PDB file of all heavy atoms in Angstrom:
ATOM      1  N   ALA A   1     103.803 106.039  72.863  1.00  0.00           N
ATOM      2  CA  ALA A   1     104.216 107.078  73.809  1.00  0.00           C
ATOM      3  C   ALA A   1     105.680 107.444  73.607  1.00  0.00           C
ATOM      4  O   ALA A   1     106.451 106.678  73.034  1.00  0.00           O
ATOM      5  CB  ALA A   1     104.005 106.597  75.245  1.00  0.00           C
ATOM      6  N   LYS A   2     106.020 108.611  74.115  1.00  0.00           N
ATOM      7  CA  LYS A   2     107.400 109.094  74.146  1.00  0.00           C
ATOM      8  C   LYS A   2     107.820 109.152  75.613  1.00  0.00           C
ATOM      9  O   LYS A   2     107.499 110.102  76.313  1.00  0.00           O
ATOM     10  CB  LYS A   2     107.479 110.499  73.536  1.00  0.00           C
ATOM     11  CG  LYS A   2     107.241 110.579  72.055  1.00  0.00           C
ATOM     12  CD  LYS A   2     108.401 110.093  71.250  1.00  0.00           C
ATOM     13  CE  LYS A   2     109.620 110.938  71.509  1.00  0.00           C
ATOM     14  NZ  LYS A   2     110.775 110.536  70.729  1.00  0.00           N
ATOM     15  N   PRO A   3     108.523 108.127  76.101  1.00  0.00           N
ATOM     16  CA  PRO A   3     108.979 108.149  77.495  1.00  0.00           C
ATOM     17  C   PRO A   3     110.237 109.002  77.654  1.00  0.00           C
ATOM     18  O   PRO A   3     110.946 109.287  76.689  1.00  0.00           O
ATOM     19  CB  PRO A   3     109.270 106.682  77.791  1.00  0.00           C
ATOM     20  CG  PRO A   3     109.627 106.102  76.470  1.00  0.00           C
ATOM     21  CD  PRO A   3     108.839 106.872  75.439  1.00  0.00           C
ATOM     22  N   GLY A   4     110.505 109.391  78.860  1.00  0.00           N
ATOM     23  CA  GLY A   4     111.717 110.152  79.147  1.00  0.00           C
ATOM     24  C   GLY A   4     111.564 111.616  78.790  1.00  0.00           C
ATOM     25  O   GLY A   4     110.466 112.123  78.619  1.00  0.00           O
ATOM     26  N   LEU A   5     112.682 112.291  78.647  1.00  0.00           N
ATOM     27  CA  LEU A   5     112.681 113.735  78.450  1.00  0.00           C
ATOM     28  C   LEU A   5     112.767 114.158  76.994  1.00  0.00           C
ATOM     29  O   LEU A   5     112.761 115.344  76.687  1.00  0.00           O
ATOM     30  CB  LEU A   5     113.834 114.363  79.236  1.00  0.00           C
ATOM     31  CG  LEU A   5     113.780 114.128  80.742  1.00  0.00           C
ATOM     32  CD1 LEU A   5     115.009 114.730  81.413  1.00  0.00           C
ATOM     33  CD2 LEU A   5     112.504 114.697  81.342  1.00  0.00           C
ATOM     34  N   ASP A   6     112.843 113.212  76.093  1.00  0.00           N
ATOM     35  CA  ASP A   6     112.944 113.492  74.665  1.00  0.00           C
ATOM     36  C   ASP A   6     111.705 114.238  74.187  1.00  0.00           C
ATOM     37  O   ASP A   6     110.583 113.816  74.429  1.00  0.00           O
ATOM     38  CB  ASP A   6     113.085 112.152  73.943  1.00  0.00           C
ATOM     39  CG  ASP A   6     113.181 112.261  72.440  1.00  0.00           C
ATOM     40  OD1 ASP A   6     113.289 113.380  71.919  1.00  0.00           O
ATOM     41  OD2 ASP A   6     113.150 111.206  71.796  1.00  0.00           O
ATOM     42  N   GLY A   7     111.894 115.356  73.499  1.00  0.00           N
ATOM     43  CA  GLY A   7     110.776 116.151  73.023  1.00  0.00           C
ATOM     44  C   GLY A   7     110.538 116.073  71.532  1.00  0.00           C
ATOM     45  O   GLY A   7     109.729 116.817  70.991  1.00  0.00           O
ATOM     46  N   HIS A   8     111.210 115.174  70.832  1.00  0.00           N
ATOM     47  CA  HIS A   8     111.070 115.058  69.378  1.00  0.00           C
ATOM     48  C   HIS A   8     110.012 114.001  69.065  1.00  0.00           C
ATOM     49  O   HIS A   8     110.245 112.816  69.286  1.00  0.00           O
ATOM     50  CB  HIS A   8     112.402 114.675  68.745  1.00  0.00           C
ATOM     51  CG  HIS A   8     113.454 115.717  68.923  1.00  0.00           C
ATOM     52  ND1 HIS A   8     114.053 115.954  70.123  1.00  0.00           N
ATOM     53  CD2 HIS A   8     113.980 116.603  68.050  1.00  0.00           C
ATOM     54  CE1 HIS A   8     114.929 116.943  69.981  1.00  0.00           C
ATOM     55  NE2 HIS A   8     114.899 117.356  68.733  1.00  0.00           N
ATOM     56  N   ASP A   9     108.882 114.434  68.549  1.00  0.00           N
ATOM     57  CA  ASP A   9     107.784 113.491  68.363  1.00  0.00           C
ATOM     58  C   ASP A   9     107.281 113.365  66.929  1.00  0.00           C
ATOM     59  O   ASP A   9     106.283 112.706  66.684  1.00  0.00           O
ATOM     60  CB  ASP A   9     106.628 113.844  69.284  1.00  0.00           C
ATOM     61  CG  ASP A   9     106.029 115.213  69.020  1.00  0.00           C
ATOM     62  OD1 ASP A   9     106.600 115.983  68.224  1.00  0.00           O
ATOM     63  OD2 ASP A   9     104.983 115.511  69.623  1.00  0.00           O
ATOM     64  N   ARG A  10     107.958 113.952  65.978  1.00  0.00           N
ATOM     65  CA  ARG A  10     107.492 113.863  64.590  1.00  0.00           C
ATOM     66  C   ARG A  10     107.435 112.411  64.118  1.00  0.00           C
ATOM     67  O   ARG A  10     106.461 111.984  63.505  1.00  0.00           O
ATOM     68  CB  ARG A  10     108.386 114.674  63.673  1.00  0.00           C
ATOM     69  CG  ARG A  10     107.936 114.559  62.216  1.00  0.00           C
ATOM     70  CD  ARG A  10     108.761 115.387  61.309  1.00  0.00           C
ATOM     71  NE  ARG A  10     108.239 116.743  61.345  1.00  0.00           N
ATOM     72  CZ  ARG A  10     108.741 117.739  60.657  1.00  0.00           C
ATOM     73  NH1 ARG A  10     109.804 117.553  59.907  1.00  0.00           N
ATOM     74  NH2 ARG A  10     108.202 118.931  60.712  1.00  0.00           N
ATOM     75  N   GLY A  11     108.479 111.631  64.388  1.00  0.00           N
ATOM     76  CA  GLY A  11     108.532 110.250  63.919  1.00  0.00           C
ATOM     77  C   GLY A  11     107.408 109.394  64.466  1.00  0.00           C
ATOM     78  O   GLY A  11     106.770 108.642  63.725  1.00  0.00           O
ATOM     79  N   ILE A  12     107.134 109.488  65.750  1.00  0.00           N
ATOM     80  CA  ILE A  12     106.077 108.653  66.331  1.00  0.00           C
ATOM     81  C   ILE A  12     104.706 109.074  65.822  1.00  0.00           C
ATOM     82  O   ILE A  12     103.806 108.256  65.665  1.00  0.00           O
ATOM     83  CB  ILE A  12     106.149 108.632  67.878  1.00  0.00           C
ATOM     84  CG1 ILE A  12     105.357 107.432  68.416  1.00  0.00           C
ATOM     85  CG2 ILE A  12     105.682 109.949  68.473  1.00  0.00           C
ATOM     86  CD1 ILE A  12     105.603 107.126  69.864  1.00  0.00           C
ATOM     87  N   LYS A  13     104.554 110.354  65.499  1.00  0.00           N
ATOM     88  CA  LYS A  13     103.283 110.808  64.929  1.00  0.00           C
ATOM     89  C   LYS A  13     103.106 110.266  63.509  1.00  0.00           C
ATOM     90  O   LYS A  13     101.992 109.921  63.116  1.00  0.00           O
ATOM     91  CB  LYS A  13     103.205 112.331  64.955  1.00  0.00           C
ATOM     92  CG  LYS A  13     102.987 112.869  66.360  1.00  0.00           C
ATOM     93  CD  LYS A  13     102.943 114.377  66.360  1.00  0.00           C
ATOM     94  CE  LYS A  13     102.657 114.908  67.762  1.00  0.00           C
ATOM     95  NZ  LYS A  13     102.691 116.393  67.795  1.00  0.00           N
ATOM     96  N   VAL A  14     104.180 110.171  62.765  1.00  0.00           N
ATOM     97  CA  VAL A  14     104.119 109.568  61.429  1.00  0.00           C
ATOM     98  C   VAL A  14     103.742 108.097  61.543  1.00  0.00           C
ATOM     99  O   VAL A  14     102.890 107.597  60.798  1.00  0.00           O
ATOM    100  CB  VAL A  14     105.456 109.753  60.676  1.00  0.00           C
ATOM    101  CG1 VAL A  14     105.507 108.910  59.413  1.00  0.00           C
ATOM    102  CG2 VAL A  14     105.683 111.222  60.354  1.00  0.00           C
ATOM    103  N   VAL A  15     104.346 107.393  62.489  1.00  0.00           N
ATOM    104  CA  VAL A  15     104.014 105.985  62.720  1.00  0.00           C
ATOM    105  C   VAL A  15     102.555 105.852  63.139  1.00  0.00           C
ATOM    106  O   VAL A  15     101.829 104.976  62.649  1.00  0.00           O
ATOM    107  CB  VAL A  15     104.959 105.347  63.764  1.00  0.00           C
ATOM    108  CG1 VAL A  15     104.472 103.965  64.181  1.00  0.00           C
ATOM    109  CG2 VAL A  15     106.379 105.274  63.216  1.00  0.00           C
ATOM    110  N   ALA A  16     102.085 106.724  64.013  1.00  0.00           N
ATOM    111  CA  ALA A  16     100.692 106.680  64.459  1.00  0.00           C
ATOM    112  C   ALA A  16      99.735 106.830  63.278  1.00  0.00           C
ATOM    113  O   ALA A  16      98.756 106.076  63.154  1.00  0.00           O
ATOM    114  CB  ALA A  16     100.434 107.768  65.502  1.00  0.00           C
ATOM    115  N   MET A  17     100.008 107.785  62.407  1.00  0.00           N
ATOM    116  CA  MET A  17      99.135 107.989  61.239  1.00  0.00           C
ATOM    117  C   MET A  17      99.180 106.790  60.294  1.00  0.00           C
ATOM    118  O   MET A  17      98.144 106.374  59.760  1.00  0.00           O
ATOM    119  CB  MET A  17      99.520 109.277  60.511  1.00  0.00           C
ATOM    120  CG  MET A  17      99.129 110.525  61.302  1.00  0.00           C
ATOM    121  SD  MET A  17      99.419 112.060  60.402  1.00  0.00           S
ATOM    122  CE  MET A  17     101.211 112.110  60.386  1.00  0.00           C
ATOM    123  N   ALA A  18     100.362 106.219  60.100  1.00  0.00           N
ATOM    124  CA  ALA A  18     100.479 105.059  59.221  1.00  0.00           C
ATOM    125  C   ALA A  18      99.728 103.853  59.792  1.00  0.00           C
ATOM    126  O   ALA A  18      99.065 103.116  59.045  1.00  0.00           O
ATOM    127  CB  ALA A  18     101.955 104.713  59.001  1.00  0.00           C
ATOM    128  N   LEU A  19      99.799 103.673  61.103  1.00  0.00           N
ATOM    129  CA  LEU A  19      99.057 102.575  61.733  1.00  0.00           C
ATOM    130  C   LEU A  19      97.547 102.795  61.605  1.00  0.00           C
ATOM    131  O   LEU A  19      96.799 101.856  61.318  1.00  0.00           O
ATOM    132  CB  LEU A  19      99.457 102.441  63.207  1.00  0.00           C
ATOM    133  CG  LEU A  19     100.822 101.799  63.455  1.00  0.00           C
ATOM    134  CD1 LEU A  19     101.270 102.030  64.893  1.00  0.00           C
ATOM    135  CD2 LEU A  19     100.775 100.308  63.130  1.00  0.00           C
ATOM    136  N   ARG A  20      97.103 104.025  61.820  1.00  0.00           N
ATOM    137  CA  ARG A  20      95.669 104.327  61.654  1.00  0.00           C
ATOM    138  C   ARG A  20      95.237 104.066  60.215  1.00  0.00           C
ATOM    139  O   ARG A  20      94.173 103.495  59.974  1.00  0.00           O
ATOM    140  CB  ARG A  20      95.386 105.778  62.043  1.00  0.00           C
ATOM    141  CG  ARG A  20      95.364 105.992  63.522  1.00  0.00           C
ATOM    142  CD  ARG A  20      94.929 107.402  63.889  1.00  0.00           C
ATOM    143  NE  ARG A  20      95.002 107.543  65.337  1.00  0.00           N
ATOM    144  CZ  ARG A  20      95.584 108.549  65.963  1.00  0.00           C
ATOM    145  NH1 ARG A  20      96.120 109.539  65.280  1.00  0.00           N
ATOM    146  NH2 ARG A  20      95.604 108.590  67.270  1.00  0.00           N
ATOM    147  N   ASP A  21      96.052 104.500  59.260  1.00  0.00           N
ATOM    148  CA  ASP A  21      95.731 104.283  57.842  1.00  0.00           C
ATOM    149  C   ASP A  21      95.649 102.796  57.508  1.00  0.00           C
ATOM    150  O   ASP A  21      94.924 102.397  56.597  1.00  0.00           O
ATOM    151  CB  ASP A  21      96.763 104.953  56.938  1.00  0.00           C
ATOM    152  CG  ASP A  21      96.672 106.473  56.960  1.00  0.00           C
ATOM    153  OD1 ASP A  21      95.683 107.021  57.502  1.00  0.00           O
ATOM    154  OD2 ASP A  21      97.609 107.117  56.444  1.00  0.00           O
ATOM    155  N   ALA A  22      96.382 101.977  58.253  1.00  0.00           N
ATOM    156  CA  ALA A  22      96.392 100.524  58.038  1.00  0.00           C
ATOM    157  C   ALA A  22      95.283  99.815  58.821  1.00  0.00           C
ATOM    158  O   ALA A  22      95.188  98.597  58.790  1.00  0.00           O
ATOM    159  CB  ALA A  22      97.754  99.947  58.422  1.00  0.00           C
ATOM    160  N   GLY A  23      94.457 100.589  59.546  1.00  0.00           N
ATOM    161  CA  GLY A  23      93.314 100.006  60.236  1.00  0.00           C
ATOM    162  C   GLY A  23      93.466  99.806  61.734  1.00  0.00           C
ATOM    163  O   GLY A  23      92.546  99.311  62.383  1.00  0.00           O
ATOM    164  N   ALA A  24      94.591 100.182  62.300  1.00  0.00           N
ATOM    165  CA  ALA A  24      94.780 100.024  63.748  1.00  0.00           C
ATOM    166  C   ALA A  24      94.071 101.145  64.505  1.00  0.00           C
ATOM    167  O   ALA A  24      93.861 102.235  63.968  1.00  0.00           O
ATOM    168  CB  ALA A  24      96.265 100.044  64.093  1.00  0.00           C
ATOM    169  N   GLU A  25      93.698 100.858  65.729  1.00  0.00           N
ATOM    170  CA  GLU A  25      93.226 101.888  66.649  1.00  0.00           C
ATOM    171  C   GLU A  25      94.447 102.339  67.441  1.00  0.00           C
ATOM    172  O   GLU A  25      95.080 101.529  68.123  1.00  0.00           O
ATOM    173  CB  GLU A  25      92.159 101.348  67.586  1.00  0.00           C
ATOM    174  CG  GLU A  25      90.847 101.074  66.893  1.00  0.00           C
ATOM    175  CD  GLU A  25      89.766 100.652  67.858  1.00  0.00           C
ATOM    176  OE1 GLU A  25      89.875 100.946  69.069  1.00  0.00           O
ATOM    177  OE2 GLU A  25      88.819 100.008  67.395  1.00  0.00           O
ATOM    178  N   VAL A  26      94.787 103.614  67.347  1.00  0.00           N
ATOM    179  CA  VAL A  26      96.002 104.135  67.959  1.00  0.00           C
ATOM    180  C   VAL A  26      95.651 105.106  69.071  1.00  0.00           C
ATOM    181  O   VAL A  26      94.850 106.022  68.874  1.00  0.00           O
ATOM    182  CB  VAL A  26      96.893 104.833  66.911  1.00  0.00           C
ATOM    183  CG1 VAL A  26      98.137 105.422  67.572  1.00  0.00           C
ATOM    184  CG2 VAL A  26      97.282 103.860  65.809  1.00  0.00           C
ATOM    185  N   ILE A  27      96.250 104.892  70.218  1.00  0.00           N
ATOM    186  CA  ILE A  27      96.128 105.794  71.351  1.00  0.00           C
ATOM    187  C   ILE A  27      97.512 106.380  71.578  1.00  0.00           C
ATOM    188  O   ILE A  27      98.424 105.681  72.018  1.00  0.00           O
ATOM    189  CB  ILE A  27      95.639 105.063  72.630  1.00  0.00           C
ATOM    190  CG1 ILE A  27      94.275 104.408  72.385  1.00  0.00           C
ATOM    191  CG2 ILE A  27      95.579 106.025  73.801  1.00  0.00           C
ATOM    192  CD1 ILE A  27      94.342 102.991  71.925  1.00  0.00           C
ATOM    193  N   TYR A  28      97.678 107.665  71.228  1.00  0.00           N
ATOM    194  CA  TYR A  28      98.976 108.319  71.393  1.00  0.00           C
ATOM    195  C   TYR A  28      98.955 109.122  72.685  1.00  0.00           C
ATOM    196  O   TYR A  28      98.154 110.049  72.834  1.00  0.00           O
ATOM    197  CB  TYR A  28      99.297 109.208  70.192  1.00  0.00           C
ATOM    198  CG  TYR A  28     100.587 109.981  70.364  1.00  0.00           C
ATOM    199  CD1 TYR A  28     101.763 109.326  70.714  1.00  0.00           C
ATOM    200  CD2 TYR A  28     100.622 111.354  70.198  1.00  0.00           C
ATOM    201  CE1 TYR A  28     102.945 110.018  70.891  1.00  0.00           C
ATOM    202  CE2 TYR A  28     101.801 112.058  70.368  1.00  0.00           C
ATOM    203  CZ  TYR A  28     102.955 111.393  70.715  1.00  0.00           C
ATOM    204  OH  TYR A  28     104.118 112.085  70.894  1.00  0.00           O
ATOM    205  N   LEU A  29      99.840 108.768  73.600  1.00  0.00           N
ATOM    206  CA  LEU A  29      99.874 109.405  74.922  1.00  0.00           C
ATOM    207  C   LEU A  29     100.667 110.697  74.953  1.00  0.00           C
ATOM    208  O   LEU A  29     100.550 111.463  75.910  1.00  0.00           O
ATOM    209  CB  LEU A  29     100.457 108.440  75.955  1.00  0.00           C
ATOM    210  CG  LEU A  29      99.734 107.102  76.105  1.00  0.00           C
ATOM    211  CD1 LEU A  29     100.436 106.250  77.154  1.00  0.00           C
ATOM    212  CD2 LEU A  29      98.273 107.294  76.440  1.00  0.00           C
ATOM    213  N   GLY A  30     101.503 110.921  73.963  1.00  0.00           N
ATOM    214  CA  GLY A  30     102.270 112.154  73.920  1.00  0.00           C
ATOM    215  C   GLY A  30     103.642 112.025  74.552  1.00  0.00           C
ATOM    216  O   GLY A  30     104.168 110.934  74.783  1.00  0.00           O
ATOM    217  N   LEU A  31     104.201 113.196  74.851  1.00  0.00           N
ATOM    218  CA  LEU A  31     105.575 113.316  75.331  1.00  0.00           C
ATOM    219  C   LEU A  31     105.715 113.086  76.830  1.00  0.00           C
ATOM    220  O   LEU A  31     104.789 113.293  77.601  1.00  0.00           O
ATOM    221  CB  LEU A  31     106.100 114.723  75.027  1.00  0.00           C
ATOM    222  CG  LEU A  31     106.177 115.117  73.556  1.00  0.00           C
ATOM    223  CD1 LEU A  31     106.431 116.609  73.436  1.00  0.00           C
ATOM    224  CD2 LEU A  31     107.262 114.329  72.858  1.00  0.00           C
ATOM    225  N   ARG A  32     106.933 112.697  77.202  1.00  0.00           N
ATOM    226  CA  ARG A  32     107.385 112.632  78.589  1.00  0.00           C
ATOM    227  C   ARG A  32     106.494 111.758  79.486  1.00  0.00           C
ATOM    228  O   ARG A  32     106.164 112.136  80.598  1.00  0.00           O
ATOM    229  CB  ARG A  32     107.544 114.037  79.155  1.00  0.00           C
ATOM    230  CG  ARG A  32     108.584 114.832  78.384  1.00  0.00           C
ATOM    231  CD  ARG A  32     108.723 116.272  78.861  1.00  0.00           C
ATOM    232  NE  ARG A  32     109.671 116.973  78.010  1.00  0.00           N
ATOM    233  CZ  ARG A  32     109.338 117.652  76.914  1.00  0.00           C
ATOM    234  NH1 ARG A  32     108.086 117.732  76.545  1.00  0.00           N
ATOM    235  NH2 ARG A  32     110.259 118.259  76.204  1.00  0.00           N
ATOM    236  N   ARG A  33     106.154 110.598  79.002  1.00  0.00           N
ATOM    237  CA  ARG A  33     105.323 109.669  79.761  1.00  0.00           C
ATOM    238  C   ARG A  33     106.187 108.718  80.570  1.00  0.00           C
ATOM    239  O   ARG A  33     107.235 108.268  80.125  1.00  0.00           O
ATOM    240  CB  ARG A  33     104.418 108.860  78.828  1.00  0.00           C
ATOM    241  CG  ARG A  33     103.446 109.711  78.076  1.00  0.00           C
ATOM    242  CD  ARG A  33     102.494 110.378  79.039  1.00  0.00           C
ATOM    243  NE  ARG A  33     101.818 111.473  78.382  1.00  0.00           N
ATOM    244  CZ  ARG A  33     101.245 112.453  79.024  1.00  0.00           C
ATOM    245  NH1 ARG A  33     101.281 112.493  80.338  1.00  0.00           N
ATOM    246  NH2 ARG A  33     100.649 113.404  78.372  1.00  0.00           N
ATOM    247  N   THR A  34     105.745 108.415  81.769  1.00  0.00           N
ATOM    248  CA  THR A  34     106.456 107.466  82.620  1.00  0.00           C
ATOM    249  C   THR A  34     106.035 106.039  82.268  1.00  0.00           C
ATOM    250  O   THR A  34     104.993 105.826  81.641  1.00  0.00           O
ATOM    251  CB  THR A  34     106.149 107.714  84.112  1.00  0.00           C
ATOM    252  OG1 THR A  34     104.762 107.405  84.348  1.00  0.00           O
ATOM    253  CG2 THR A  34     106.456 109.147  84.518  1.00  0.00           C
ATOM    254  N   ALA A  35     106.814 105.096  82.716  1.00  0.00           N
ATOM    255  CA  ALA A  35     106.470 103.691  82.500  1.00  0.00           C
ATOM    256  C   ALA A  35     105.113 103.378  83.126  1.00  0.00           C
ATOM    257  O   ALA A  35     104.288 102.673  82.525  1.00  0.00           O
ATOM    258  CB  ALA A  35     107.555 102.787  83.085  1.00  0.00           C
ATOM    259  N   GLU A  36     104.861 103.900  84.298  1.00  0.00           N
ATOM    260  CA  GLU A  36     103.576 103.649  84.968  1.00  0.00           C
ATOM    261  C   GLU A  36     102.412 104.225  84.181  1.00  0.00           C
ATOM    262  O   GLU A  36     101.353 103.595  84.064  1.00  0.00           O
ATOM    263  CB  GLU A  36     103.604 104.201  86.397  1.00  0.00           C
ATOM    264  CG  GLU A  36     104.537 103.430  87.323  1.00  0.00           C
ATOM    265  CD  GLU A  36     104.218 101.937  87.376  1.00  0.00           C
ATOM    266  OE1 GLU A  36     103.031 101.547  87.413  1.00  0.00           O
ATOM    267  OE2 GLU A  36     105.176 101.133  87.374  1.00  0.00           O
ATOM    268  N   GLU A  37     102.585 105.421  83.623  1.00  0.00           N
ATOM    269  CA  GLU A  37     101.517 106.021  82.811  1.00  0.00           C
ATOM    270  C   GLU A  37     101.259 105.189  81.557  1.00  0.00           C
ATOM    271  O   GLU A  37     100.105 104.990  81.162  1.00  0.00           O
ATOM    272  CB  GLU A  37     101.890 107.445  82.402  1.00  0.00           C
ATOM    273  CG  GLU A  37     101.868 108.442  83.529  1.00  0.00           C
ATOM    274  CD  GLU A  37     102.427 109.798  83.133  1.00  0.00           C
ATOM    275  OE1 GLU A  37     103.394 109.853  82.335  1.00  0.00           O
ATOM    276  OE2 GLU A  37     101.889 110.809  83.634  1.00  0.00           O
ATOM    277  N   ILE A  38     102.314 104.707  80.950  1.00  0.00           N
ATOM    278  CA  ILE A  38     102.179 103.909  79.732  1.00  0.00           C
ATOM    279  C   ILE A  38     101.423 102.617  80.016  1.00  0.00           C
ATOM    280  O   ILE A  38     100.485 102.261  79.304  1.00  0.00           O
ATOM    281  CB  ILE A  38     103.560 103.637  79.104  1.00  0.00           C
ATOM    282  CG1 ILE A  38     104.164 104.958  78.596  1.00  0.00           C
ATOM    283  CG2 ILE A  38     103.460 102.597  77.987  1.00  0.00           C
ATOM    284  CD1 ILE A  38     105.631 104.879  78.235  1.00  0.00           C
ATOM    285  N   TRP A  39     101.784 101.919  81.096  1.00  0.00           N
ATOM    286  CA  TRP A  39     101.112 100.653  81.395  1.00  0.00           C
ATOM    287  C   TRP A  39      99.700 100.856  81.910  1.00  0.00           C
ATOM    288  O   TRP A  39      98.816 100.028  81.636  1.00  0.00           O
ATOM    289  CB  TRP A  39     101.957  99.794  82.335  1.00  0.00           C
ATOM    290  CG  TRP A  39     103.151  99.275  81.602  1.00  0.00           C
ATOM    291  CD1 TRP A  39     104.460  99.555  81.837  1.00  0.00           C
ATOM    292  CD2 TRP A  39     103.132  98.445  80.437  1.00  0.00           C
ATOM    293  NE1 TRP A  39     105.255  98.945  80.898  1.00  0.00           N
ATOM    294  CE2 TRP A  39     104.467  98.263  80.027  1.00  0.00           C
ATOM    295  CE3 TRP A  39     102.129  97.845  79.683  1.00  0.00           C
ATOM    296  CZ2 TRP A  39     104.813  97.488  78.923  1.00  0.00           C
ATOM    297  CZ3 TRP A  39     102.468  97.078  78.572  1.00  0.00           C
ATOM    298  CH2 TRP A  39     103.795  96.908  78.210  1.00  0.00           C
ATOM    299  N   ALA A  40      99.456 101.932  82.622  1.00  0.00           N
ATOM    300  CA  ALA A  40      98.089 102.231  83.048  1.00  0.00           C
ATOM    301  C   ALA A  40      97.200 102.439  81.822  1.00  0.00           C
ATOM    302  O   ALA A  40      96.083 101.921  81.750  1.00  0.00           O
ATOM    303  CB  ALA A  40      98.062 103.461  83.954  1.00  0.00           C
ATOM    304  N   ALA A  41      97.704 103.181  80.841  1.00  0.00           N
ATOM    305  CA  ALA A  41      96.944 103.405  79.609  1.00  0.00           C
ATOM    306  C   ALA A  41      96.770 102.106  78.829  1.00  0.00           C
ATOM    307  O   ALA A  41      95.689 101.843  78.283  1.00  0.00           O
ATOM    308  CB  ALA A  41      97.631 104.457  78.753  1.00  0.00           C
ATOM    309  N   ALA A  42      97.816 101.304  78.768  1.00  0.00           N
ATOM    310  CA  ALA A  42      97.730 100.034  78.035  1.00  0.00           C
ATOM    311  C   ALA A  42      96.647  99.137  78.634  1.00  0.00           C
ATOM    312  O   ALA A  42      95.876  98.503  77.896  1.00  0.00           O
ATOM    313  CB  ALA A  42      99.082  99.328  78.047  1.00  0.00           C
TER     314      ALA A  42
END
């Protein structure tokens, strides 16, 4: 996830794709997520 007001997400999307390519199951929540949203999803 990208918490806070930061809108730059290219890097985390690259990491997400690399993790998927390595066999991980990735759930990307997107931009501007709160701590509560992140832990609820986790």
